[in-house]
Amino acid sequence: MREKNFITFEGGECSGKTTVIAEIVKMFDELNINYVSTREPGGVKIAEDIRKVILNVDNVGMEPECEALLYAAARMEHLNKKVIPSLKEGKIVLCDRYLDSSIAYQGVARGLGLENILKINSFALDHLPDLTIFIDVKPEVALKRLSLRDKTDRLDLETIDFHNKVYEGYHEALKLYPDRFVVIDGNQPLNDVVNDCKKAVLKYLGV
């Protein structure tokens, strides 16, 4: 196996990330691979508390700068308390979202700009993922899926224009860091998305 074991999963709303990670966790258990599965914002207590503030539907008036700084604060706590220690222990870290989400959502969709996002997340630039699986789902497909579930957080309430900008933002991140991205077609049936993600992870790890 490779020594660089920080793997992140990215995509817009309803891209299937949560299901994909759950299936990869099952696969790792079957293969006796040492790992930790985590998420952003969250993963540790303080970051989970920040997550509740960010996603609370009562906070729809939150300023974009405040949102970006809250994500960065949660990331710092999560990185220092969970990601880095787990990597030092030799574990593979599977993380649902990381810096690329901030580039897409706050940098592009909120209009704060890539430079500002990279500046407030400068501490994370020394700990970029070794592999990022981007599940590429067209916004119109994602919103059809979203319409079938309860709208449980603040981002679920955003307009199609916002989700289109998020989609553009992910492609900006892809241009910025092409060497670590693997793009998976998320418009296909979920089972096929899961299988393609599994193959990409196993190929990267050399298993």
N, C-alpha and C. Protein backbone atom coordinates (compact mmCIF):
# COMPACT_ATOMS: atom_id res chain seq x y z
N MET A 1 0.83 -1.21 0.00
CA MET A 1 0.00 0.00 0.00
C MET A 1 0.86 1.25 0.00
N ARG A 2 0.29 2.36 -0.48
CA ARG A 2 0.97 3.63 -0.46
C ARG A 2 0.98 4.20 0.95
N GLU A 3 1.97 5.06 1.22
CA GLU A 3 2.06 5.67 2.54
C GLU A 3 1.16 6.89 2.66
N LYS A 4 0.81 7.51 1.55
CA LYS A 4 -0.03 8.70 1.58
C LYS A 4 -1.49 8.26 1.58
N ASN A 5 -2.13 8.44 2.73
CA ASN A 5 -3.43 7.79 2.92
C ASN A 5 -4.58 8.72 3.29
N PHE A 6 -4.51 9.97 2.89
CA PHE A 6 -5.59 10.91 3.16
C PHE A 6 -6.48 10.98 1.92
N ILE A 7 -7.68 10.39 2.01
CA ILE A 7 -8.59 10.29 0.88
C ILE A 7 -9.87 11.06 1.20
N THR A 8 -10.21 11.99 0.32
CA THR A 8 -11.42 12.78 0.53
C THR A 8 -12.44 12.51 -0.57
N PHE A 9 -13.70 12.79 -0.25
CA PHE A 9 -14.80 12.57 -1.18
C PHE A 9 -15.57 13.88 -1.31
N GLU A 10 -15.74 14.32 -2.54
CA GLU A 10 -16.37 15.61 -2.79
C GLU A 10 -17.52 15.48 -3.78
N GLY A 11 -18.41 16.46 -3.74
CA GLY A 11 -19.55 16.51 -4.65
C GLY A 11 -20.61 17.41 -4.07
N GLY A 12 -21.52 17.84 -4.92
CA GLY A 12 -22.61 18.69 -4.47
C GLY A 12 -23.64 17.91 -3.68
N GLU A 13 -24.75 18.57 -3.39
CA GLU A 13 -25.82 17.93 -2.63
C GLU A 13 -26.35 16.72 -3.42
N CYS A 14 -26.66 15.64 -2.69
CA CYS A 14 -27.24 14.42 -3.27
C CYS A 14 -26.34 13.78 -4.32
N SER A 15 -25.04 13.91 -4.15
CA SER A 15 -24.11 13.27 -5.10
C SER A 15 -23.87 11.80 -4.76
N GLY A 16 -24.26 11.39 -3.55
CA GLY A 16 -24.08 10.00 -3.16
C GLY A 16 -22.86 9.72 -2.31
N LYS A 17 -22.19 10.78 -1.86
CA LYS A 17 -20.97 10.61 -1.08
C LYS A 17 -21.15 9.74 0.16
N THR A 18 -22.21 10.00 0.91
CA THR A 18 -22.42 9.27 2.16
C THR A 18 -22.57 7.78 1.91
N THR A 19 -23.33 7.42 0.89
CA THR A 19 -23.51 6.00 0.54
C THR A 19 -22.19 5.39 0.08
N VAL A 20 -21.47 6.12 -0.75
CA VAL A 20 -20.19 5.63 -1.26
C VAL A 20 -19.23 5.34 -0.11
N ILE A 21 -19.09 6.28 0.80
CA ILE A 21 -18.16 6.10 1.92
C ILE A 21 -18.58 4.91 2.78
N ALA A 22 -19.88 4.77 3.03
CA ALA A 22 -20.37 3.63 3.82
C ALA A 22 -20.00 2.31 3.17
N GLU A 23 -20.08 2.24 1.85
CA GLU A 23 -19.75 1.01 1.14
C GLU A 23 -18.24 0.76 1.13
N ILE A 24 -17.47 1.81 1.05
CA ILE A 24 -16.01 1.65 1.11
C ILE A 24 -15.58 1.21 2.50
N VAL A 25 -16.25 1.72 3.53
CA VAL A 25 -15.99 1.27 4.90
C VAL A 25 -16.24 -0.23 5.03
N LYS A 26 -17.34 -0.71 4.47
CA LYS A 26 -17.62 -2.15 4.50
C LYS A 26 -16.53 -2.93 3.79
N MET A 27 -16.09 -2.43 2.66
CA MET A 27 -15.04 -3.09 1.90
C MET A 27 -13.73 -3.13 2.68
N PHE A 28 -13.38 -2.02 3.34
CA PHE A 28 -12.16 -1.98 4.15
C PHE A 28 -12.24 -2.96 5.31
N ASP A 29 -13.42 -3.08 5.92
CA ASP A 29 -13.60 -4.04 7.01
C ASP A 29 -13.34 -5.47 6.51
N GLU A 30 -13.88 -5.78 5.34
CA GLU A 30 -13.70 -7.12 4.77
C GLU A 30 -12.24 -7.40 4.43
N LEU A 31 -11.51 -6.35 4.04
CA LEU A 31 -10.12 -6.51 3.65
C LEU A 31 -9.15 -6.29 4.81
N ASN A 32 -9.71 -6.05 6.02
CA ASN A 32 -8.90 -5.79 7.21
C ASN A 32 -7.92 -4.62 7.01
N ILE A 33 -8.41 -3.56 6.38
CA ILE A 33 -7.61 -2.35 6.17
C ILE A 33 -7.84 -1.41 7.34
N ASN A 34 -6.76 -0.88 7.88
CA ASN A 34 -6.83 0.03 9.03
C ASN A 34 -7.22 1.43 8.56
N TYR A 35 -8.34 1.94 9.03
CA TYR A 35 -8.85 3.21 8.53
C TYR A 35 -9.61 3.95 9.62
N VAL A 36 -9.92 5.22 9.33
CA VAL A 36 -10.88 5.98 10.11
C VAL A 36 -11.76 6.74 9.12
N SER A 37 -13.05 6.75 9.37
CA SER A 37 -13.99 7.46 8.51
C SER A 37 -14.50 8.68 9.27
N THR A 38 -14.48 9.83 8.61
CA THR A 38 -14.85 11.07 9.29
C THR A 38 -15.51 12.03 8.30
N ARG A 39 -15.85 13.23 8.76
CA ARG A 39 -16.55 14.16 7.88
C ARG A 39 -16.24 15.60 8.25
N GLU A 40 -16.53 16.48 7.30
CA GLU A 40 -16.44 17.92 7.53
C GLU A 40 -17.75 18.59 7.12
N PRO A 41 -18.16 19.63 7.83
CA PRO A 41 -17.60 19.98 9.14
C PRO A 41 -18.02 18.93 10.17
N GLY A 42 -17.14 18.66 11.09
CA GLY A 42 -17.45 17.66 12.12
C GLY A 42 -16.26 16.78 12.42
N GLY A 43 -16.56 15.57 12.85
CA GLY A 43 -15.51 14.60 13.12
C GLY A 43 -15.00 14.59 14.54
N VAL A 44 -15.02 15.75 15.20
CA VAL A 44 -14.66 15.88 16.61
C VAL A 44 -15.67 16.84 17.25
N LYS A 45 -15.74 16.85 18.56
CA LYS A 45 -16.83 17.53 19.26
C LYS A 45 -17.02 18.99 18.85
N ILE A 46 -15.96 19.79 18.96
CA ILE A 46 -16.11 21.21 18.68
C ILE A 46 -16.52 21.43 17.22
N ALA A 47 -15.93 20.68 16.33
CA ALA A 47 -16.28 20.82 14.91
C ALA A 47 -17.73 20.40 14.66
N GLU A 48 -18.21 19.39 15.38
CA GLU A 48 -19.61 18.98 15.25
C GLU A 48 -20.54 20.08 15.77
N ASP A 49 -20.12 20.75 16.84
CA ASP A 49 -20.92 21.86 17.37
C ASP A 49 -20.99 23.00 16.34
N ILE A 50 -19.87 23.27 15.69
CA ILE A 50 -19.85 24.31 14.65
C ILE A 50 -20.75 23.89 13.49
N ARG A 51 -20.74 22.61 13.15
CA ARG A 51 -21.59 22.10 12.07
C ARG A 51 -23.07 22.43 12.32
N LYS A 52 -23.49 22.28 13.57
CA LYS A 52 -24.89 22.56 13.90
C LYS A 52 -25.24 24.02 13.63
N VAL A 53 -24.32 24.91 13.91
CA VAL A 53 -24.54 26.34 13.67
C VAL A 53 -24.62 26.61 12.16
N ILE A 54 -23.67 26.03 11.41
CA ILE A 54 -23.61 26.27 9.97
C ILE A 54 -24.87 25.79 9.26
N LEU A 55 -25.34 24.60 9.61
CA LEU A 55 -26.43 23.97 8.85
C LEU A 55 -27.82 24.25 9.40
N ASN A 56 -27.90 24.94 10.53
CA ASN A 56 -29.19 25.22 11.14
C ASN A 56 -30.05 26.08 10.21
N VAL A 57 -31.25 25.62 9.91
CA VAL A 57 -32.14 26.36 9.00
C VAL A 57 -32.54 27.72 9.55
N ASP A 58 -32.37 27.92 10.85
CA ASP A 58 -32.68 29.23 11.44
C ASP A 58 -31.61 30.28 11.12
N ASN A 59 -30.49 29.82 10.55
CA ASN A 59 -29.38 30.73 10.29
C ASN A 59 -29.25 31.08 8.81
N VAL A 60 -30.39 31.19 8.13
CA VAL A 60 -30.36 31.46 6.68
C VAL A 60 -29.73 32.81 6.35
N GLY A 61 -29.69 33.73 7.29
CA GLY A 61 -29.13 35.05 7.02
C GLY A 61 -27.64 35.17 7.28
N MET A 62 -26.97 34.04 7.49
CA MET A 62 -25.54 34.07 7.81
C MET A 62 -24.73 34.73 6.70
N GLU A 63 -23.81 35.61 7.07
CA GLU A 63 -22.95 36.26 6.10
C GLU A 63 -21.97 35.23 5.49
N PRO A 64 -21.68 35.34 4.20
CA PRO A 64 -20.75 34.40 3.56
C PRO A 64 -19.39 34.32 4.25
N GLU A 65 -18.89 35.49 4.69
CA GLU A 65 -17.59 35.49 5.36
C GLU A 65 -17.65 34.72 6.67
N CYS A 66 -18.75 34.88 7.39
CA CYS A 66 -18.93 34.14 8.65
C CYS A 66 -18.98 32.65 8.37
N GLU A 67 -19.72 32.27 7.35
CA GLU A 67 -19.83 30.86 6.98
C GLU A 67 -18.45 30.28 6.65
N ALA A 68 -17.69 31.00 5.84
CA ALA A 68 -16.37 30.52 5.44
C ALA A 68 -15.43 30.36 6.63
N LEU A 69 -15.48 31.33 7.56
CA LEU A 69 -14.61 31.27 8.73
C LEU A 69 -15.03 30.14 9.68
N LEU A 70 -16.33 29.88 9.78
CA LEU A 70 -16.79 28.77 10.61
C LEU A 70 -16.31 27.43 10.05
N TYR A 71 -16.40 27.28 8.73
CA TYR A 71 -15.88 26.06 8.11
C TYR A 71 -14.39 25.91 8.36
N ALA A 72 -13.66 27.01 8.24
CA ALA A 72 -12.21 26.97 8.45
C ALA A 72 -11.88 26.61 9.90
N ALA A 73 -12.63 27.18 10.83
CA ALA A 73 -12.41 26.87 12.25
C ALA A 73 -12.67 25.39 12.55
N ALA A 74 -13.77 24.88 12.01
CA ALA A 74 -14.08 23.45 12.20
C ALA A 74 -13.00 22.58 11.58
N ARG A 75 -12.51 23.00 10.41
CA ARG A 75 -11.46 22.23 9.72
C ARG A 75 -10.18 22.18 10.54
N MET A 76 -9.79 23.30 11.11
CA MET A 76 -8.57 23.34 11.92
C MET A 76 -8.66 22.38 13.10
N GLU A 77 -9.79 22.41 13.79
CA GLU A 77 -10.00 21.53 14.94
C GLU A 77 -9.98 20.06 14.52
N HIS A 78 -10.68 19.77 13.45
CA HIS A 78 -10.77 18.40 12.93
C HIS A 78 -9.42 17.89 12.45
N LEU A 79 -8.70 18.74 11.74
CA LEU A 79 -7.39 18.35 11.20
C LEU A 79 -6.42 18.01 12.32
N ASN A 80 -6.35 18.89 13.32
CA ASN A 80 -5.37 18.70 14.40
C ASN A 80 -5.77 17.61 15.38
N LYS A 81 -7.07 17.44 15.59
CA LYS A 81 -7.51 16.48 16.60
C LYS A 81 -7.74 15.07 16.03
N LYS A 82 -8.02 14.97 14.73
CA LYS A 82 -8.38 13.65 14.19
C LYS A 82 -7.59 13.23 12.96
N VAL A 83 -7.54 14.08 11.95
CA VAL A 83 -6.93 13.67 10.69
C VAL A 83 -5.44 13.41 10.85
N ILE A 84 -4.71 14.41 11.33
CA ILE A 84 -3.25 14.26 11.45
C ILE A 84 -2.88 13.12 12.41
N PRO A 85 -3.49 13.03 13.61
CA PRO A 85 -3.15 11.90 14.50
C PRO A 85 -3.44 10.54 13.86
N SER A 86 -4.54 10.43 13.13
CA SER A 86 -4.89 9.15 12.49
C SER A 86 -3.87 8.78 11.42
N LEU A 87 -3.43 9.76 10.64
CA LEU A 87 -2.42 9.50 9.62
C LEU A 87 -1.10 9.08 10.25
N LYS A 88 -0.74 9.71 11.37
CA LYS A 88 0.50 9.35 12.06
C LYS A 88 0.44 7.94 12.61
N GLU A 89 -0.77 7.47 12.91
CA GLU A 89 -0.95 6.10 13.39
C GLU A 89 -0.96 5.08 12.24
N GLY A 90 -0.82 5.57 11.02
CA GLY A 90 -0.78 4.68 9.88
C GLY A 90 -2.13 4.31 9.32
N LYS A 91 -3.18 5.01 9.74
CA LYS A 91 -4.52 4.71 9.25
C LYS A 91 -4.80 5.44 7.94
N ILE A 92 -5.64 4.84 7.12
CA ILE A 92 -6.18 5.54 5.97
C ILE A 92 -7.33 6.40 6.46
N VAL A 93 -7.33 7.67 6.12
CA VAL A 93 -8.40 8.58 6.53
C VAL A 93 -9.35 8.78 5.35
N LEU A 94 -10.60 8.40 5.55
CA LEU A 94 -11.67 8.63 4.57
C LEU A 94 -12.48 9.81 5.08
N CYS A 95 -12.47 10.90 4.33
CA CYS A 95 -13.13 12.11 4.82
C CYS A 95 -14.19 12.61 3.83
N ASP A 96 -15.40 12.78 4.34
CA ASP A 96 -16.51 13.33 3.58
C ASP A 96 -16.40 14.85 3.59
N ARG A 97 -15.86 15.41 2.52
CA ARG A 97 -15.60 16.84 2.31
C ARG A 97 -14.30 17.29 2.99
N TYR A 98 -13.70 18.32 2.36
CA TYR A 98 -12.50 18.95 2.93
C TYR A 98 -12.36 20.32 2.25
N LEU A 99 -11.16 20.76 1.99
CA LEU A 99 -10.90 22.10 1.49
C LEU A 99 -11.63 22.40 0.18
N ASP A 100 -11.74 21.41 -0.69
CA ASP A 100 -12.38 21.64 -2.00
C ASP A 100 -13.83 22.08 -1.86
N SER A 101 -14.50 21.63 -0.79
CA SER A 101 -15.87 22.09 -0.55
C SER A 101 -15.90 23.59 -0.28
N SER A 102 -14.93 24.08 0.47
CA SER A 102 -14.88 25.52 0.75
C SER A 102 -14.59 26.31 -0.52
N ILE A 103 -13.72 25.77 -1.38
CA ILE A 103 -13.45 26.42 -2.67
C ILE A 103 -14.74 26.53 -3.47
N ALA A 104 -15.49 25.42 -3.55
CA ALA A 104 -16.70 25.38 -4.37
C ALA A 104 -17.83 26.20 -3.77
N TYR A 105 -18.11 25.98 -2.49
CA TYR A 105 -19.28 26.60 -1.87
C TYR A 105 -19.05 28.06 -1.49
N GLN A 106 -17.96 28.33 -0.78
CA GLN A 106 -17.74 29.70 -0.33
C GLN A 106 -16.92 30.52 -1.33
N GLY A 107 -15.90 29.90 -1.92
CA GLY A 107 -15.05 30.63 -2.84
C GLY A 107 -15.78 31.05 -4.10
N VAL A 108 -16.53 30.11 -4.70
CA VAL A 108 -17.20 30.39 -5.97
C VAL A 108 -18.68 30.69 -5.77
N ALA A 109 -19.43 29.77 -5.16
CA ALA A 109 -20.88 29.96 -5.05
C ALA A 109 -21.24 31.17 -4.20
N ARG A 110 -20.50 31.42 -3.12
CA ARG A 110 -20.76 32.61 -2.29
C ARG A 110 -20.01 33.84 -2.79
N GLY A 111 -19.12 33.65 -3.75
CA GLY A 111 -18.45 34.78 -4.37
C GLY A 111 -17.30 35.37 -3.58
N LEU A 112 -16.72 34.62 -2.65
CA LEU A 112 -15.64 35.17 -1.83
C LEU A 112 -14.29 35.10 -2.53
N GLY A 113 -14.16 34.29 -3.56
CA GLY A 113 -12.92 34.19 -4.31
C GLY A 113 -11.98 33.14 -3.78
N LEU A 114 -11.24 32.50 -4.70
CA LEU A 114 -10.33 31.41 -4.30
C LEU A 114 -9.22 31.90 -3.38
N GLU A 115 -8.67 33.07 -3.67
CA GLU A 115 -7.56 33.57 -2.86
C GLU A 115 -7.96 33.73 -1.40
N ASN A 116 -9.13 34.28 -1.14
CA ASN A 116 -9.58 34.46 0.24
C ASN A 116 -9.80 33.14 0.94
N ILE A 117 -10.36 32.16 0.23
CA ILE A 117 -10.59 30.85 0.84
C ILE A 117 -9.27 30.16 1.16
N LEU A 118 -8.33 30.22 0.24
CA LEU A 118 -7.03 29.60 0.49
C LEU A 118 -6.29 30.32 1.62
N LYS A 119 -6.48 31.62 1.72
CA LYS A 119 -5.81 32.40 2.78
C LYS A 119 -6.31 31.99 4.16
N ILE A 120 -7.64 31.90 4.32
CA ILE A 120 -8.16 31.58 5.66
C ILE A 120 -8.02 30.09 5.98
N ASN A 121 -7.68 29.29 4.98
CA ASN A 121 -7.43 27.87 5.19
C ASN A 121 -5.97 27.52 4.96
N SER A 122 -5.09 28.49 5.13
CA SER A 122 -3.67 28.29 4.81
C SER A 122 -3.05 27.12 5.58
N PHE A 123 -3.52 26.90 6.80
CA PHE A 123 -3.01 25.79 7.61
C PHE A 123 -3.29 24.44 6.95
N ALA A 124 -4.37 24.37 6.18
CA ALA A 124 -4.75 23.10 5.54
C ALA A 124 -3.95 22.82 4.28
N LEU A 125 -3.26 23.82 3.75
CA LEU A 125 -2.52 23.64 2.49
C LEU A 125 -1.32 22.73 2.68
N ASP A 126 -0.86 22.58 3.91
CA ASP A 126 0.23 21.63 4.20
C ASP A 126 -0.29 20.21 4.39
N HIS A 127 -1.59 20.05 4.36
CA HIS A 127 -2.20 18.73 4.59
C HIS A 127 -3.30 18.48 3.57
N LEU A 128 -2.96 18.67 2.31
CA LEU A 128 -3.93 18.42 1.25
C LEU A 128 -4.15 16.92 1.09
N PRO A 129 -5.32 16.52 0.61
CA PRO A 129 -5.58 15.09 0.39
C PRO A 129 -4.60 14.51 -0.62
N ASP A 130 -4.34 13.22 -0.47
CA ASP A 130 -3.51 12.51 -1.44
C ASP A 130 -4.35 12.05 -2.62
N LEU A 131 -5.62 11.80 -2.36
CA LEU A 131 -6.56 11.40 -3.40
C LEU A 131 -7.91 12.04 -3.09
N THR A 132 -8.52 12.64 -4.10
CA THR A 132 -9.87 13.19 -3.94
C THR A 132 -10.78 12.56 -4.98
N ILE A 133 -11.82 11.88 -4.51
CA ILE A 133 -12.83 11.32 -5.38
C ILE A 133 -13.93 12.37 -5.54
N PHE A 134 -14.07 12.89 -6.75
CA PHE A 134 -15.13 13.87 -7.02
C PHE A 134 -16.26 13.19 -7.77
N ILE A 135 -17.43 13.11 -7.12
CA ILE A 135 -18.60 12.53 -7.74
C ILE A 135 -19.32 13.64 -8.50
N ASP A 136 -19.20 13.59 -9.81
CA ASP A 136 -19.64 14.67 -10.69
C ASP A 136 -21.11 14.45 -11.08
N VAL A 137 -21.99 15.23 -10.45
CA VAL A 137 -23.43 15.14 -10.71
C VAL A 137 -23.93 16.49 -11.21
N LYS A 138 -24.63 16.48 -12.32
CA LYS A 138 -25.21 17.72 -12.84
C LYS A 138 -26.19 18.28 -11.81
N PRO A 139 -26.18 19.60 -11.60
CA PRO A 139 -27.06 20.20 -10.59
C PRO A 139 -28.53 19.86 -10.77
N GLU A 140 -29.01 19.79 -11.99
CA GLU A 140 -30.42 19.48 -12.21
C GLU A 140 -30.77 18.06 -11.77
N VAL A 141 -29.81 17.14 -11.93
CA VAL A 141 -30.02 15.77 -11.47
C VAL A 141 -30.03 15.73 -9.95
N ALA A 142 -29.08 16.45 -9.35
CA ALA A 142 -28.98 16.49 -7.89
C ALA A 142 -30.24 17.08 -7.27
N LEU A 143 -30.79 18.13 -7.88
CA LEU A 143 -31.97 18.77 -7.30
C LEU A 143 -33.21 17.89 -7.43
N LYS A 144 -33.28 17.08 -8.47
CA LYS A 144 -34.38 16.12 -8.56
C LYS A 144 -34.31 15.13 -7.41
N ARG A 145 -33.10 14.69 -7.09
CA ARG A 145 -32.92 13.78 -5.96
C ARG A 145 -33.25 14.49 -4.65
N LEU A 146 -32.82 15.75 -4.55
CA LEU A 146 -33.06 16.52 -3.34
C LEU A 146 -34.55 16.71 -3.08
N SER A 147 -35.33 16.83 -4.16
CA SER A 147 -36.78 17.05 -4.02
C SER A 147 -37.48 15.84 -3.41
N LEU A 148 -36.79 14.70 -3.41
CA LEU A 148 -37.39 13.47 -2.89
C LEU A 148 -37.10 13.25 -1.41
N ARG A 149 -36.29 14.12 -0.82
CA ARG A 149 -35.95 13.96 0.59
C ARG A 149 -36.36 15.20 1.37
N ASP A 150 -36.46 15.04 2.69
CA ASP A 150 -36.78 16.18 3.55
C ASP A 150 -35.63 17.18 3.51
N LYS A 151 -35.97 18.45 3.44
CA LYS A 151 -34.94 19.49 3.44
C LYS A 151 -34.57 19.76 4.89
N THR A 152 -33.42 19.20 5.28
CA THR A 152 -33.06 19.16 6.69
C THR A 152 -32.00 20.18 7.09
N ASP A 153 -31.35 20.84 6.13
CA ASP A 153 -30.34 21.81 6.54
C ASP A 153 -30.39 23.05 5.65
N ARG A 154 -29.62 24.05 6.02
CA ARG A 154 -29.65 25.35 5.37
C ARG A 154 -29.28 25.29 3.89
N LEU A 155 -28.33 24.43 3.54
CA LEU A 155 -27.88 24.34 2.15
C LEU A 155 -28.92 23.68 1.26
N ASP A 156 -29.80 22.86 1.86
CA ASP A 156 -30.88 22.24 1.08
C ASP A 156 -31.86 23.28 0.54
N LEU A 157 -31.88 24.45 1.16
CA LEU A 157 -32.85 25.48 0.79
C LEU A 157 -32.35 26.42 -0.29
N GLU A 158 -31.12 26.21 -0.77
CA GLU A 158 -30.54 27.11 -1.76
C GLU A 158 -31.18 26.93 -3.14
N THR A 159 -31.01 27.92 -4.00
CA THR A 159 -31.61 27.92 -5.34
C THR A 159 -30.77 27.11 -6.32
N ILE A 160 -31.34 26.86 -7.50
CA ILE A 160 -30.62 26.16 -8.56
C ILE A 160 -29.40 26.96 -9.00
N ASP A 161 -29.49 28.28 -8.97
CA ASP A 161 -28.35 29.12 -9.34
C ASP A 161 -27.16 28.88 -8.41
N PHE A 162 -27.46 28.75 -7.12
CA PHE A 162 -26.40 28.47 -6.15
C PHE A 162 -25.75 27.13 -6.46
N HIS A 163 -26.55 26.10 -6.69
CA HIS A 163 -25.99 24.76 -6.94
C HIS A 163 -25.23 24.72 -8.26
N ASN A 164 -25.65 25.50 -9.24
CA ASN A 164 -24.88 25.60 -10.49
C ASN A 164 -23.50 26.20 -10.22
N LYS A 165 -23.46 27.20 -9.36
CA LYS A 165 -22.18 27.84 -9.02
C LYS A 165 -21.29 26.88 -8.23
N VAL A 166 -21.90 26.08 -7.34
CA VAL A 166 -21.13 25.07 -6.60
C VAL A 166 -20.48 24.10 -7.59
N TYR A 167 -21.26 23.68 -8.57
CA TYR A 167 -20.76 22.76 -9.60
C TYR A 167 -19.58 23.39 -10.34
N GLU A 168 -19.71 24.66 -10.70
CA GLU A 168 -18.60 25.38 -11.34
C GLU A 168 -17.40 25.45 -10.40
N GLY A 169 -17.68 25.65 -9.12
CA GLY A 169 -16.61 25.76 -8.14
C GLY A 169 -15.79 24.49 -8.01
N TYR A 170 -16.45 23.35 -8.06
CA TYR A 170 -15.71 22.09 -8.00
C TYR A 170 -14.79 21.93 -9.20
N HIS A 171 -15.24 22.39 -10.34
CA HIS A 171 -14.39 22.29 -11.53
C HIS A 171 -13.23 23.27 -11.47
N GLU A 172 -13.40 24.36 -10.73
CA GLU A 172 -12.28 25.26 -10.47
C GLU A 172 -11.24 24.57 -9.57
N ALA A 173 -11.73 23.86 -8.55
CA ALA A 173 -10.82 23.12 -7.67
C ALA A 173 -10.08 22.04 -8.44
N LEU A 174 -10.79 21.40 -9.36
CA LEU A 174 -10.19 20.35 -10.18
C LEU A 174 -9.05 20.91 -11.03
N LYS A 175 -9.25 22.11 -11.57
CA LYS A 175 -8.19 22.75 -12.35
C LYS A 175 -7.00 23.13 -11.46
N LEU A 176 -7.30 23.50 -10.23
CA LEU A 176 -6.26 23.92 -9.30
C LEU A 176 -5.40 22.75 -8.84
N TYR A 177 -6.04 21.59 -8.62
CA TYR A 177 -5.33 20.41 -8.11
C TYR A 177 -5.62 19.18 -8.97
N PRO A 178 -5.27 19.19 -10.25
CA PRO A 178 -5.65 18.08 -11.13
C PRO A 178 -5.00 16.74 -10.78
N ASP A 179 -3.83 16.77 -10.17
CA ASP A 179 -3.08 15.53 -9.94
C ASP A 179 -3.71 14.61 -8.89
N ARG A 180 -4.50 15.17 -7.99
CA ARG A 180 -5.06 14.33 -6.93
C ARG A 180 -6.54 13.98 -7.15
N PHE A 181 -7.14 14.53 -8.17
CA PHE A 181 -8.57 14.29 -8.41
C PHE A 181 -8.80 13.06 -9.30
N VAL A 182 -9.79 12.27 -8.92
CA VAL A 182 -10.37 11.26 -9.80
C VAL A 182 -11.84 11.60 -9.93
N VAL A 183 -12.32 11.78 -11.15
CA VAL A 183 -13.71 12.18 -11.39
C VAL A 183 -14.56 10.95 -11.70
N ILE A 184 -15.64 10.81 -10.95
CA ILE A 184 -16.58 9.69 -11.11
C ILE A 184 -17.90 10.24 -11.64
N ASP A 185 -18.46 9.58 -12.63
CA ASP A 185 -19.75 9.99 -13.18
C ASP A 185 -20.85 9.68 -12.17
N GLY A 186 -21.38 10.72 -11.55
CA GLY A 186 -22.41 10.55 -10.53
C GLY A 186 -23.82 10.55 -11.07
N ASN A 187 -23.97 10.71 -12.39
CA ASN A 187 -25.30 10.72 -12.99
C ASN A 187 -25.81 9.31 -13.28
N GLN A 188 -24.94 8.32 -13.18
CA GLN A 188 -25.30 6.93 -13.42
C GLN A 188 -25.95 6.34 -12.18
N PRO A 189 -26.53 5.12 -12.28
CA PRO A 189 -27.15 4.49 -11.10
C PRO A 189 -26.18 4.41 -9.93
N LEU A 190 -26.71 4.51 -8.71
CA LEU A 190 -25.88 4.60 -7.51
C LEU A 190 -24.95 3.40 -7.36
N ASN A 191 -25.42 2.20 -7.69
CA ASN A 191 -24.57 1.02 -7.59
C ASN A 191 -23.33 1.15 -8.47
N ASP A 192 -23.50 1.73 -9.65
CA ASP A 192 -22.36 1.93 -10.55
C ASP A 192 -21.42 2.99 -10.00
N VAL A 193 -21.97 4.03 -9.39
CA VAL A 193 -21.15 5.07 -8.76
C VAL A 193 -20.30 4.45 -7.65
N VAL A 194 -20.93 3.64 -6.82
CA VAL A 194 -20.23 2.98 -5.71
C VAL A 194 -19.11 2.10 -6.24
N ASN A 195 -19.40 1.30 -7.24
CA ASN A 195 -18.39 0.39 -7.79
C ASN A 195 -17.22 1.14 -8.41
N ASP A 196 -17.51 2.22 -9.11
CA ASP A 196 -16.44 3.02 -9.72
C ASP A 196 -15.56 3.66 -8.65
N CYS A 197 -16.18 4.12 -7.57
CA CYS A 197 -15.42 4.71 -6.46
C CYS A 197 -14.54 3.67 -5.77
N LYS A 198 -15.10 2.49 -5.56
CA LYS A 198 -14.32 1.41 -4.96
C LYS A 198 -13.09 1.09 -5.80
N LYS A 199 -13.30 0.97 -7.11
CA LYS A 199 -12.19 0.65 -8.01
C LYS A 199 -11.12 1.72 -7.96
N ALA A 200 -11.54 2.98 -7.91
CA ALA A 200 -10.58 4.09 -7.88
C ALA A 200 -9.74 4.07 -6.61
N VAL A 201 -10.39 3.80 -5.48
CA VAL A 201 -9.68 3.76 -4.20
C VAL A 201 -8.71 2.59 -4.15
N LEU A 202 -9.16 1.42 -4.56
CA LEU A 202 -8.30 0.22 -4.56
C LEU A 202 -7.11 0.39 -5.50
N LYS A 203 -7.36 1.00 -6.64
CA LYS A 203 -6.26 1.24 -7.59
C LYS A 203 -5.22 2.18 -6.98
N TYR A 204 -5.71 3.24 -6.32
CA TYR A 204 -4.79 4.18 -5.70
C TYR A 204 -3.95 3.50 -4.60
N LEU A 205 -4.60 2.67 -3.80
CA LEU A 205 -3.92 2.03 -2.68
C LEU A 205 -3.04 0.86 -3.14
N GLY A 206 -3.25 0.40 -4.37
CA GLY A 206 -2.49 -0.74 -4.86
C GLY A 206 -2.88 -2.03 -4.21
N VAL A 207 -4.18 -2.15 -3.86
CA VAL A 207 -4.65 -3.37 -3.20
C VAL A 207 -5.19 -4.32 -4.26
